[in-house]
């Protein structure tokens, strides 16, 4: 079984990703390697942040690794919170971030939004690859559901009337932005690791 390191300290992301991966691949986490340092995210794009995180961890452990950065992009807010999604309210607090979005969209008729995930896979000091996944939908008028994490309780994906926070995790795993990016990453790894 091939091993690869997921450069994330977000336990929810790790759990979600492990559900999506094939049996030939063992996902190692930073917790498996007792790595607890804060990983810098100073880029102005999702791609820059994903690359920065993956390179930081690759340079530390010298094994193939990947990282992600994700964001919620809201049409009516000129793409906010975007790359600043994790700390939109000034804190890494999901509840406060969600409430700020709901407050800013209060009374708005255009509630279109999309989630985007970028994975960056680093295989060597000079070789890295990006994989993108998106899902479109709209922002709910109130927070609903306790499932998922982040903005899931206020995001209603296209074709559904429930938020990601209300949908079963197996349903979300089929078509979420992270699932779509993961499918591209897994396909690439399956071909690369043959």
Protein backbone atom coordinates (compact mmCIF):
# COMPACT_ATOMS: atom_id res chain seq x y z
CA UNK A 1 0.00 0.00 0.00
CA UNK A 2 1.35 3.41 -1.00
CA UNK A 3 1.64 6.10 1.66
CA UNK A 4 1.12 9.80 1.19
CA UNK A 5 0.93 12.62 3.71
CA UNK A 6 -2.04 14.98 3.92
CA UNK A 7 -0.60 18.26 5.20
CA UNK A 8 -3.59 19.35 7.26
CA UNK A 9 -4.37 19.68 10.95
CA UNK A 10 -8.11 19.96 10.29
CA UNK A 11 -9.53 16.68 11.66
CA UNK A 12 -12.82 17.15 9.79
CA UNK A 13 -11.03 17.48 6.45
CA UNK A 14 -8.85 14.44 7.21
CA UNK A 15 -11.88 12.29 8.12
CA UNK A 16 -13.77 13.41 5.02
CA UNK A 17 -10.80 12.72 2.76
CA UNK A 18 -10.12 9.24 4.15
CA UNK A 19 -13.71 8.28 3.26
CA UNK A 20 -13.02 9.25 -0.36
CA UNK A 21 -9.72 7.44 -0.94
CA UNK A 22 -9.16 4.01 -2.42
CA UNK A 23 -7.77 1.06 -0.51
CA UNK A 24 -4.40 1.10 -2.31
CA UNK A 25 -3.54 4.42 -0.68
CA UNK A 26 -2.78 5.03 2.99
CA UNK A 27 -3.26 8.63 4.06
CA UNK A 28 -0.83 9.75 6.74
CA UNK A 29 -1.69 12.84 8.74
CA UNK A 30 0.36 15.40 10.59
CA UNK A 31 -0.94 13.87 13.80
CA UNK A 32 0.63 10.53 12.77
CA UNK A 33 3.98 12.35 12.61
CA UNK A 34 3.38 14.36 15.81
CA UNK A 35 3.60 17.63 13.87
CA UNK A 36 1.71 20.38 15.68
CA UNK A 37 3.23 23.61 14.38
CA UNK A 38 1.05 26.20 12.70
CA UNK A 39 1.47 25.98 8.91
CA UNK A 40 1.68 29.41 7.24
CA UNK A 41 -1.09 30.56 4.89
CA UNK A 42 -0.07 33.96 3.63
CA UNK A 43 -1.06 33.67 -0.04
CA UNK A 44 -3.66 35.78 -1.81
CA UNK A 45 -5.11 32.80 -3.69
CA UNK A 46 -6.16 29.27 -2.80
CA UNK A 47 -3.40 27.96 -5.07
CA UNK A 48 -0.71 29.97 -3.28
CA UNK A 49 -1.86 28.78 0.14
CA UNK A 50 -2.12 25.12 -0.89
CA UNK A 51 1.36 25.22 -2.42
CA UNK A 52 2.83 27.01 0.59
CA UNK A 53 1.42 24.45 3.03
CA UNK A 54 2.43 21.43 0.95
CA UNK A 55 5.98 22.72 0.38
CA UNK A 56 6.39 23.52 4.08
CA UNK A 57 5.54 19.94 5.02
CA UNK A 58 7.49 18.38 2.13
CA UNK A 59 10.59 20.31 3.16
CA UNK A 60 10.15 19.08 6.73
CA UNK A 61 9.57 15.35 6.08
CA UNK A 62 10.86 14.84 2.50
CA UNK A 63 8.00 12.54 1.51
CA UNK A 64 5.25 13.09 -1.08
CA UNK A 65 2.48 15.16 0.42
CA UNK A 66 -0.50 17.25 -0.50
CA UNK A 67 -2.39 20.10 1.06
CA UNK A 68 -5.55 21.98 0.27
CA UNK A 69 -7.10 25.34 0.60
CA UNK A 70 -10.79 25.93 0.23
CA UNK A 71 -13.02 28.96 0.09
CA UNK A 72 -16.60 30.09 -0.20
CA UNK A 73 -17.13 32.67 -2.94
CA UNK A 74 -20.38 34.68 -2.80
CA UNK A 75 -21.49 36.61 -5.89
CA UNK A 76 -23.27 39.38 -3.99
CA UNK A 77 -20.20 39.99 -1.79
CA UNK A 78 -17.77 40.35 -4.72
CA UNK A 79 -16.34 36.88 -4.06
CA UNK A 80 -15.99 37.22 -0.29
CA UNK A 81 -15.02 35.53 1.93
CA UNK A 82 -12.92 33.67 -0.67
CA UNK A 83 -9.34 32.99 0.35
CA UNK A 84 -10.11 34.47 3.79
CA UNK A 85 -12.97 32.03 4.48
CA UNK A 86 -11.40 30.36 7.53
CA UNK A 87 -11.07 33.61 9.49
CA UNK A 88 -13.65 35.85 7.79
CA UNK A 89 -14.99 37.21 11.07
CA UNK A 90 -11.48 37.78 12.40
CA UNK A 91 -11.52 34.43 14.18
CA UNK A 92 -11.35 30.79 13.15
CA UNK A 93 -14.89 30.36 14.44
CA UNK A 94 -17.40 28.65 12.15
CA UNK A 95 -20.42 30.08 13.93
CA UNK A 96 -19.15 33.67 13.79
CA UNK A 97 -18.11 33.31 10.14
CA UNK A 98 -21.52 31.93 9.17
CA UNK A 99 -23.35 34.66 11.06
CA UNK A 100 -21.30 37.38 9.39
CA UNK A 101 -22.24 36.02 5.95
CA UNK A 102 -25.92 35.84 6.92
CA UNK A 103 -25.81 39.39 8.27
CA UNK A 104 -24.16 40.75 5.12
CA UNK A 105 -26.73 39.02 2.90
CA UNK A 106 -29.74 40.01 5.01
CA UNK A 107 -32.58 40.81 2.62
CA UNK A 108 -30.51 40.06 -0.49
CA UNK A 109 -32.26 38.30 -3.37
CA UNK A 110 -29.06 37.18 -5.12
CA UNK A 111 -27.60 34.51 -2.83
CA UNK A 112 -25.57 32.61 -5.42
CA UNK A 113 -22.26 31.18 -4.22
CA UNK A 114 -19.78 28.44 -4.87
CA UNK A 115 -17.27 26.46 -2.89
CA UNK A 116 -13.84 25.82 -4.38
CA UNK A 117 -11.10 23.48 -3.21
CA UNK A 118 -7.55 23.43 -4.55
CA UNK A 119 -5.24 20.52 -3.74
CA UNK A 120 -1.51 20.90 -4.28
CA UNK A 121 0.48 17.67 -4.52
CA UNK A 122 4.25 17.93 -4.03
CA UNK A 123 6.20 14.90 -5.26
CA UNK A 124 9.70 16.39 -5.23
CA UNK A 125 11.31 19.80 -4.67
CA UNK A 126 10.63 20.70 -8.31
CA UNK A 127 7.43 18.76 -9.09
CA UNK A 128 4.00 19.81 -7.94
CA UNK A 129 0.48 19.55 -9.34
CA UNK A 130 -2.84 21.31 -8.68
CA UNK A 131 -6.33 19.75 -8.63
CA UNK A 132 -9.50 21.83 -8.45
CA UNK A 133 -13.06 21.06 -7.40
CA UNK A 134 -16.12 23.33 -7.32
CA UNK A 135 -19.74 23.05 -6.31
CA UNK A 136 -22.31 25.76 -6.97
CA UNK A 137 -25.36 26.68 -4.95
CA UNK A 138 -26.75 29.44 -2.78
CA UNK A 139 -26.59 30.79 0.74
CA UNK A 140 -29.51 29.89 3.00
CA UNK A 141 -31.34 32.56 4.99
CA UNK A 142 -30.45 30.82 8.26
CA UNK A 143 -28.03 28.22 9.56
CA UNK A 144 -29.42 24.67 9.37
CA UNK A 145 -27.97 21.31 10.32
CA UNK A 146 -25.14 20.09 12.50
CA UNK A 147 -23.28 18.01 9.93
CA UNK A 148 -20.09 18.89 8.13
CA UNK A 149 -18.05 21.90 9.17
CA UNK A 150 -17.24 25.45 8.16
CA UNK A 151 -19.95 27.05 6.03
CA UNK A 152 -21.83 23.77 5.46
CA UNK A 153 -24.86 24.82 7.57
CA UNK A 154 -25.55 27.85 5.35
CA UNK A 155 -24.70 26.46 1.88
CA UNK A 156 -27.42 24.81 -0.23
CA UNK A 157 -25.90 22.95 -3.21
CA UNK A 158 -27.60 23.08 -6.62
CA UNK A 159 -30.32 20.48 -6.97
CA UNK A 160 -31.02 20.30 -3.23
CA UNK A 161 -33.21 22.16 -0.78
CA UNK A 162 -31.09 21.21 2.24
CA UNK A 163 -27.76 22.65 3.36
CA UNK A 164 -24.57 20.60 3.41
CA UNK A 165 -25.01 20.71 7.20
CA UNK A 166 -28.31 18.84 6.86
CA UNK A 167 -27.25 16.35 4.18
CA UNK A 168 -25.88 12.95 5.07
CA UNK A 169 -22.07 12.87 4.90
CA UNK A 170 -22.18 10.09 2.28
CA UNK A 171 -24.33 12.31 0.03
CA UNK A 172 -21.95 15.23 0.43
CA UNK A 173 -18.97 12.95 -0.22
CA UNK A 174 -20.27 12.19 -3.72
CA UNK A 175 -20.26 15.71 -5.13
CA UNK A 176 -18.77 18.29 -2.78
CA UNK A 177 -15.99 20.60 -3.94
CA UNK A 178 -13.49 18.59 -1.90
CA UNK A 179 -14.82 15.30 -3.31
CA UNK A 180 -14.42 16.56 -6.87
CA UNK A 181 -10.85 17.75 -6.27
CA UNK A 182 -10.06 14.51 -4.42
CA UNK A 183 -11.30 12.39 -7.33
CA UNK A 184 -8.86 14.18 -9.66
CA UNK A 185 -6.03 13.81 -7.16
CA UNK A 186 -6.74 10.10 -6.60
CA UNK A 187 -6.88 9.40 -10.33
CA UNK A 188 -3.51 11.09 -10.78
CA UNK A 189 -1.97 9.19 -7.87
CA UNK A 190 -3.32 5.87 -9.12
CA UNK A 191 -1.60 6.45 -12.47
CA UNK A 192 1.60 7.79 -10.89
CA UNK A 193 1.96 5.02 -8.31
CA UNK A 194 1.44 2.09 -10.71
